[in-house]
Amino acid sequence: MRLYVNIDHVATVREARRTDEPDPVRAAILAEAGGAEGITVHLREDRRHIQDRDLRVLMEVVRTGVNLEVAAEKEVVEIAIQARPMQVTLVPEHRQEVTTEGGLDLSSPNTFQRVREASDRLREAGIRVSLFVDPEPEAVEASLRVGAEAVEFHTGEYANARGEAKGRELARLHRAVREGRDGGLGVHAGHGLTYENILPVAALPELEEVNIGHSIISRAILVGMERAVRDMRALLREAPARISEPGTWVPPLGY
């Protein structure tokens, strides 16, 4: 199970004052020192957090790999091609949202066409393409038709669910992960994952990678980036032994 640490919210704090600190590049270096297998950043069209300069410097100093999230729009896709990260994840993007609210709607002909065109451009440049999608069979099938090499399943509904709904959302995620893997896709997950809810997800044997940002950055403010990443890394490592039946939701103490 690979851990990719999303450092967007380090830049969010910096942009709140339009200053030069905290530096997301330094955060990336510390995340790698704490055991992260990669760094994720989202270069939004409105540049609300990560800036073009951040991406340029990250590409020079990150020693693991950069997963660059962008919308399927020409400007940011061309920037991605110039930067040449290890992977580009195409994501939906809306100016009014606080954070990404769901997966790409590949059932929409317009969205499907834009994503396919962006995916083709990226693959022609030799960049691995992943799509951020909801954990549904239709999304897996559409991702295969687009020609993606991987999918990242949106775990927001799992993260927000309570009680019996938590178990249903975990089972839904598990089915999608298996379908993606059976189809030959790399299978990743992310959004809303925390120290409290990660264990059942990390115990899914077919899942290859998780992308976690807000929870790690929040903890890092209190204990430091390296320790926050090490703590999450330990949970990922322990998950298979602590969850006896993969795909089963086990509430943490006090949940």
Protein backbone atom coordinates (compact mmCIF):
# COMPACT_ATOMS: atom_id res chain seq x y z
CA MET A 1 0.00 0.00 0.00
CA ARG A 2 1.63 3.21 -1.19
CA LEU A 3 1.01 6.46 0.68
CA TYR A 4 0.92 9.62 -1.39
CA VAL A 5 0.73 12.77 0.71
CA ASN A 6 -1.25 15.69 -0.69
CA ILE A 7 0.42 18.93 0.35
CA ASP A 8 -2.15 21.36 -1.11
CA HIS A 9 -3.21 22.64 2.29
CA VAL A 10 0.29 23.71 3.21
CA ALA A 11 -0.06 26.10 0.28
CA THR A 12 -3.58 27.01 1.46
CA VAL A 13 -2.11 28.36 4.71
CA ARG A 14 0.54 30.27 2.79
CA GLU A 15 -1.96 31.81 0.38
CA ALA A 16 -4.15 32.98 3.27
CA ARG A 17 -1.52 35.67 3.88
CA ARG A 18 -0.04 35.84 0.35
CA THR A 19 3.40 35.29 1.80
CA ASP A 20 6.21 32.76 1.24
CA GLU A 21 5.57 30.42 4.15
CA PRO A 22 4.85 27.67 4.91
CA ASP A 23 6.59 26.32 1.81
CA PRO A 24 4.87 23.23 0.33
CA VAL A 25 8.18 22.14 -1.18
CA ARG A 26 9.74 21.86 2.27
CA ALA A 27 6.64 20.00 3.41
CA ALA A 28 7.13 17.53 0.55
CA ILE A 29 10.71 16.87 1.58
CA LEU A 30 9.65 16.22 5.18
CA ALA A 31 6.80 13.97 4.01
CA GLU A 32 9.27 11.86 2.08
CA ALA A 33 11.53 11.72 5.13
CA GLY A 34 8.53 10.42 7.09
CA GLY A 35 8.01 7.56 4.65
CA ALA A 36 5.70 8.91 1.93
CA GLU A 37 6.03 7.01 -1.35
CA GLY A 38 4.94 10.03 -3.34
CA ILE A 39 3.63 13.59 -3.30
CA THR A 40 0.27 14.75 -4.67
CA VAL A 41 -0.59 18.33 -5.64
CA HIS A 42 -3.62 19.82 -7.37
CA LEU A 43 -2.84 22.70 -9.71
CA ARG A 44 -6.26 24.33 -9.82
CA GLU A 45 -7.28 26.65 -12.61
CA ASP A 46 -7.88 29.44 -10.08
CA ARG A 47 -4.50 28.78 -8.36
CA ARG A 48 -6.12 28.97 -4.92
CA HIS A 49 -3.24 27.07 -3.29
CA ILE A 50 -0.52 25.37 -5.36
CA GLN A 51 1.18 27.77 -7.76
CA ASP A 52 3.09 27.12 -10.99
CA ARG A 53 6.39 27.84 -9.24
CA ASP A 54 5.59 25.21 -6.60
CA LEU A 55 5.16 22.58 -9.29
CA ARG A 56 8.40 23.53 -11.03
CA VAL A 57 10.42 23.27 -7.84
CA LEU A 58 8.68 20.08 -6.70
CA MET A 59 9.63 18.43 -9.98
CA GLU A 60 13.25 19.27 -9.24
CA VAL A 61 13.44 18.13 -5.62
CA VAL A 62 10.90 15.33 -5.03
CA ARG A 63 12.77 12.03 -5.02
CA THR A 64 9.81 9.64 -4.98
CA GLY A 65 7.22 10.75 -7.52
CA VAL A 66 4.74 13.55 -8.16
CA ASN A 67 1.08 12.82 -8.81
CA LEU A 68 -0.30 16.00 -10.38
CA GLU A 69 -4.05 16.54 -10.23
CA VAL A 70 -5.51 18.80 -12.91
CA ALA A 71 -8.83 19.42 -14.61
CA ALA A 72 -9.27 18.14 -18.17
CA GLU A 73 -8.70 21.64 -19.50
CA LYS A 74 -6.16 22.66 -22.13
CA GLU A 75 -4.17 25.20 -20.09
CA VAL A 76 -3.40 22.97 -17.11
CA VAL A 77 -2.99 19.85 -19.26
CA GLU A 78 -0.29 21.65 -21.26
CA ILE A 79 1.42 22.70 -18.02
CA ALA A 80 1.33 19.06 -16.92
CA ILE A 81 2.93 17.96 -20.19
CA GLN A 82 5.71 20.50 -19.74
CA ALA A 83 6.28 19.45 -16.11
CA ARG A 84 6.25 15.71 -16.93
CA PRO A 85 5.25 14.33 -13.51
CA MET A 86 5.21 10.59 -12.86
CA GLN A 87 1.40 10.60 -13.07
CA VAL A 88 -1.42 12.99 -13.87
CA THR A 89 -4.80 12.43 -12.26
CA LEU A 90 -7.65 14.11 -14.11
CA VAL A 91 -10.23 15.46 -11.67
CA PRO A 92 -13.49 17.43 -11.81
CA GLU A 93 -13.17 21.04 -10.78
CA HIS A 94 -15.73 23.71 -9.85
CA ARG A 95 -14.78 27.23 -8.81
CA GLN A 96 -17.37 27.45 -6.02
CA GLU A 97 -16.42 24.19 -4.27
CA VAL A 98 -14.29 24.15 -1.11
CA THR A 99 -12.77 20.81 -2.13
CA THR A 100 -13.42 18.22 -4.82
CA GLU A 101 -16.95 16.97 -4.23
CA GLY A 102 -17.07 13.79 -6.31
CA GLY A 103 -15.64 11.86 -9.22
CA LEU A 104 -15.64 12.72 -12.91
CA ASP A 105 -19.08 12.34 -14.49
CA LEU A 106 -18.01 10.18 -17.42
CA SER A 107 -21.67 9.46 -18.24
CA SER A 108 -21.81 12.98 -19.67
CA PRO A 109 -20.78 12.90 -23.36
CA ASN A 110 -19.12 16.31 -23.08
CA THR A 111 -17.12 15.33 -20.00
CA PHE A 112 -16.16 11.98 -21.51
CA GLN A 113 -14.87 13.65 -24.67
CA ARG A 114 -12.85 16.27 -22.77
CA VAL A 115 -11.33 13.62 -20.51
CA ARG A 116 -10.49 11.36 -23.43
CA GLU A 117 -8.82 14.21 -25.34
CA ALA A 118 -6.81 15.23 -22.27
CA SER A 119 -5.89 11.61 -21.57
CA ASP A 120 -4.72 11.09 -25.15
CA ARG A 121 -2.50 14.19 -24.99
CA LEU A 122 -0.93 13.07 -21.72
CA ARG A 123 -0.32 9.51 -22.86
CA GLU A 124 1.27 10.76 -26.08
CA ALA A 125 3.70 12.68 -23.86
CA GLY A 126 4.54 9.47 -22.00
CA ILE A 127 2.70 10.40 -18.79
CA ARG A 128 0.70 7.84 -16.84
CA VAL A 129 -2.97 8.85 -16.61
CA SER A 130 -5.31 8.23 -13.69
CA LEU A 131 -8.94 9.33 -13.39
CA PHE A 132 -10.66 10.43 -10.17
CA VAL A 133 -13.99 8.62 -10.25
CA ASP A 134 -16.79 7.45 -7.98
CA PRO A 135 -16.64 3.78 -6.89
CA GLU A 136 -19.17 2.55 -9.44
CA PRO A 137 -18.97 -0.15 -12.16
CA GLU A 138 -20.01 2.38 -14.82
CA ALA A 139 -17.08 4.64 -13.88
CA VAL A 140 -14.64 1.74 -14.11
CA GLU A 141 -15.96 0.75 -17.55
CA ALA A 142 -15.81 4.35 -18.80
CA SER A 143 -12.26 4.76 -17.48
CA LEU A 144 -11.20 1.71 -19.49
CA ARG A 145 -12.81 3.20 -22.61
CA VAL A 146 -10.95 6.45 -22.03
CA GLY A 147 -7.70 4.51 -21.95
CA ALA A 148 -6.67 5.41 -18.41
CA GLU A 149 -4.01 3.30 -16.73
CA ALA A 150 -5.34 3.85 -13.22
CA VAL A 151 -8.31 5.14 -11.26
CA GLU A 152 -8.51 6.88 -7.92
CA PHE A 153 -11.82 6.11 -6.23
CA HIS A 154 -13.52 8.97 -4.42
CA THR A 155 -13.90 7.92 -0.77
CA GLY A 156 -15.83 10.98 0.40
CA GLU A 157 -19.12 9.14 0.83
CA TYR A 158 -17.40 6.41 2.83
CA ALA A 159 -15.70 9.04 4.99
CA ASN A 160 -18.96 10.89 5.68
CA ALA A 161 -21.16 7.84 6.30
CA ARG A 162 -22.20 6.77 9.81
CA GLY A 163 -23.54 3.58 11.33
CA GLU A 164 -24.63 0.84 8.93
CA ALA A 165 -24.13 3.17 5.98
CA LYS A 166 -20.40 3.06 6.68
CA GLY A 167 -20.32 -0.67 6.02
CA ARG A 168 -22.35 -0.29 2.83
CA GLU A 169 -20.02 2.39 1.49
CA LEU A 170 -16.97 0.27 2.33
CA ALA A 171 -18.50 -2.70 0.48
CA ARG A 172 -19.27 -0.46 -2.48
CA LEU A 173 -15.67 0.72 -2.53
CA HIS A 174 -14.36 -2.83 -2.26
CA ARG A 175 -16.46 -3.99 -5.24
CA ALA A 176 -15.21 -1.10 -7.36
CA VAL A 177 -11.60 -1.76 -6.37
CA ARG A 178 -11.92 -5.41 -7.42
CA GLU A 179 -13.60 -4.47 -10.71
CA GLY A 180 -10.88 -1.95 -11.48
CA ARG A 181 -8.13 -4.42 -10.69
CA ASP A 182 -9.84 -7.15 -12.75
CA GLY A 183 -9.98 -4.71 -15.67
CA GLY A 184 -6.23 -4.16 -15.49
CA LEU A 185 -6.33 -0.71 -13.90
CA GLY A 186 -4.14 0.53 -11.10
CA VAL A 187 -6.50 1.11 -8.17
CA HIS A 188 -6.07 4.02 -5.77
CA ALA A 189 -8.35 5.75 -3.27
CA GLY A 190 -8.60 9.16 -1.67
CA HIS A 191 -10.70 11.97 -0.21
CA GLY A 192 -11.72 12.35 3.41
CA LEU A 193 -9.46 9.55 4.64
CA THR A 194 -8.23 10.08 8.21
CA TYR A 195 -6.35 8.34 11.00
CA GLU A 196 -9.72 7.23 12.36
CA ASN A 197 -11.24 5.71 9.20
CA ILE A 198 -8.24 4.49 7.19
CA LEU A 199 -7.84 0.96 8.58
CA PRO A 200 -10.73 -0.79 6.75
CA VAL A 201 -9.72 0.88 3.47
CA ALA A 202 -6.04 0.07 3.90
CA ALA A 203 -6.94 -3.57 4.56
CA LEU A 204 -8.46 -4.03 1.08
CA PRO A 205 -5.94 -6.40 -0.51
CA GLU A 206 -6.42 -5.20 -4.09
CA LEU A 207 -5.91 -1.52 -3.27
CA GLU A 208 -2.49 -0.22 -4.28
CA GLU A 209 -2.35 3.39 -3.13
CA VAL A 210 -4.07 6.01 -0.99
CA ASN A 211 -3.86 9.78 -1.35
CA ILE A 212 -4.26 11.62 1.94
CA GLY A 213 -3.85 15.33 2.53
CA HIS A 214 -6.02 17.27 4.96
CA SER A 215 -5.82 14.80 7.85
CA ILE A 216 -2.04 14.49 7.64
CA ILE A 217 -1.49 18.24 7.30
CA SER A 218 -3.83 18.86 10.25
CA ARG A 219 -1.87 16.45 12.43
CA ALA A 220 1.43 17.87 11.20
CA ILE A 221 0.51 21.29 12.60
CA LEU A 222 0.54 19.70 16.06
CA VAL A 223 3.23 17.02 15.86
CA GLY A 224 5.31 17.86 12.77
CA MET A 225 5.19 16.57 9.22
CA GLU A 226 7.59 13.65 9.56
CA ARG A 227 5.80 12.19 12.56
CA ALA A 228 2.35 12.73 11.02
CA VAL A 229 3.40 10.79 7.93
CA ARG A 230 5.09 8.06 9.98
CA ASP A 231 1.91 7.64 12.05
CA MET A 232 -0.22 7.20 8.91
CA ARG A 233 2.37 4.91 7.37
CA ALA A 234 2.21 2.70 10.46
CA LEU A 235 -1.59 2.41 10.19
CA LEU A 236 -1.33 1.35 6.56
CA ARG A 237 1.23 -1.28 7.48
CA GLU A 238 -0.81 -2.63 10.38
CA ALA A 239 -4.21 -2.63 8.63
CA PRO A 240 -4.23 -6.20 7.23
CA ALA A 241 -3.48 -7.66 10.66
CA ARG A 242 -5.95 -5.43 12.49
CA ILE A 243 -8.89 -6.02 10.14
CA SER A 244 -9.63 -9.75 10.16
CA GLU A 245 -12.07 -9.64 7.21
CA PRO A 246 -11.19 -7.19 4.39
CA GLY A 247 -14.15 -5.04 3.42
CA THR A 248 -15.57 -5.02 6.95
CA TRP A 249 -16.14 -1.75 8.78
CA VAL A 250 -14.84 -1.90 12.36
CA PRO A 251 -15.64 1.31 14.28
CA PRO A 252 -12.71 2.77 16.24
CA LEU A 253 -12.98 3.12 19.98
CA GLY A 254 -15.44 5.90 20.83
CA TYR A 255 -16.79 6.16 17.28
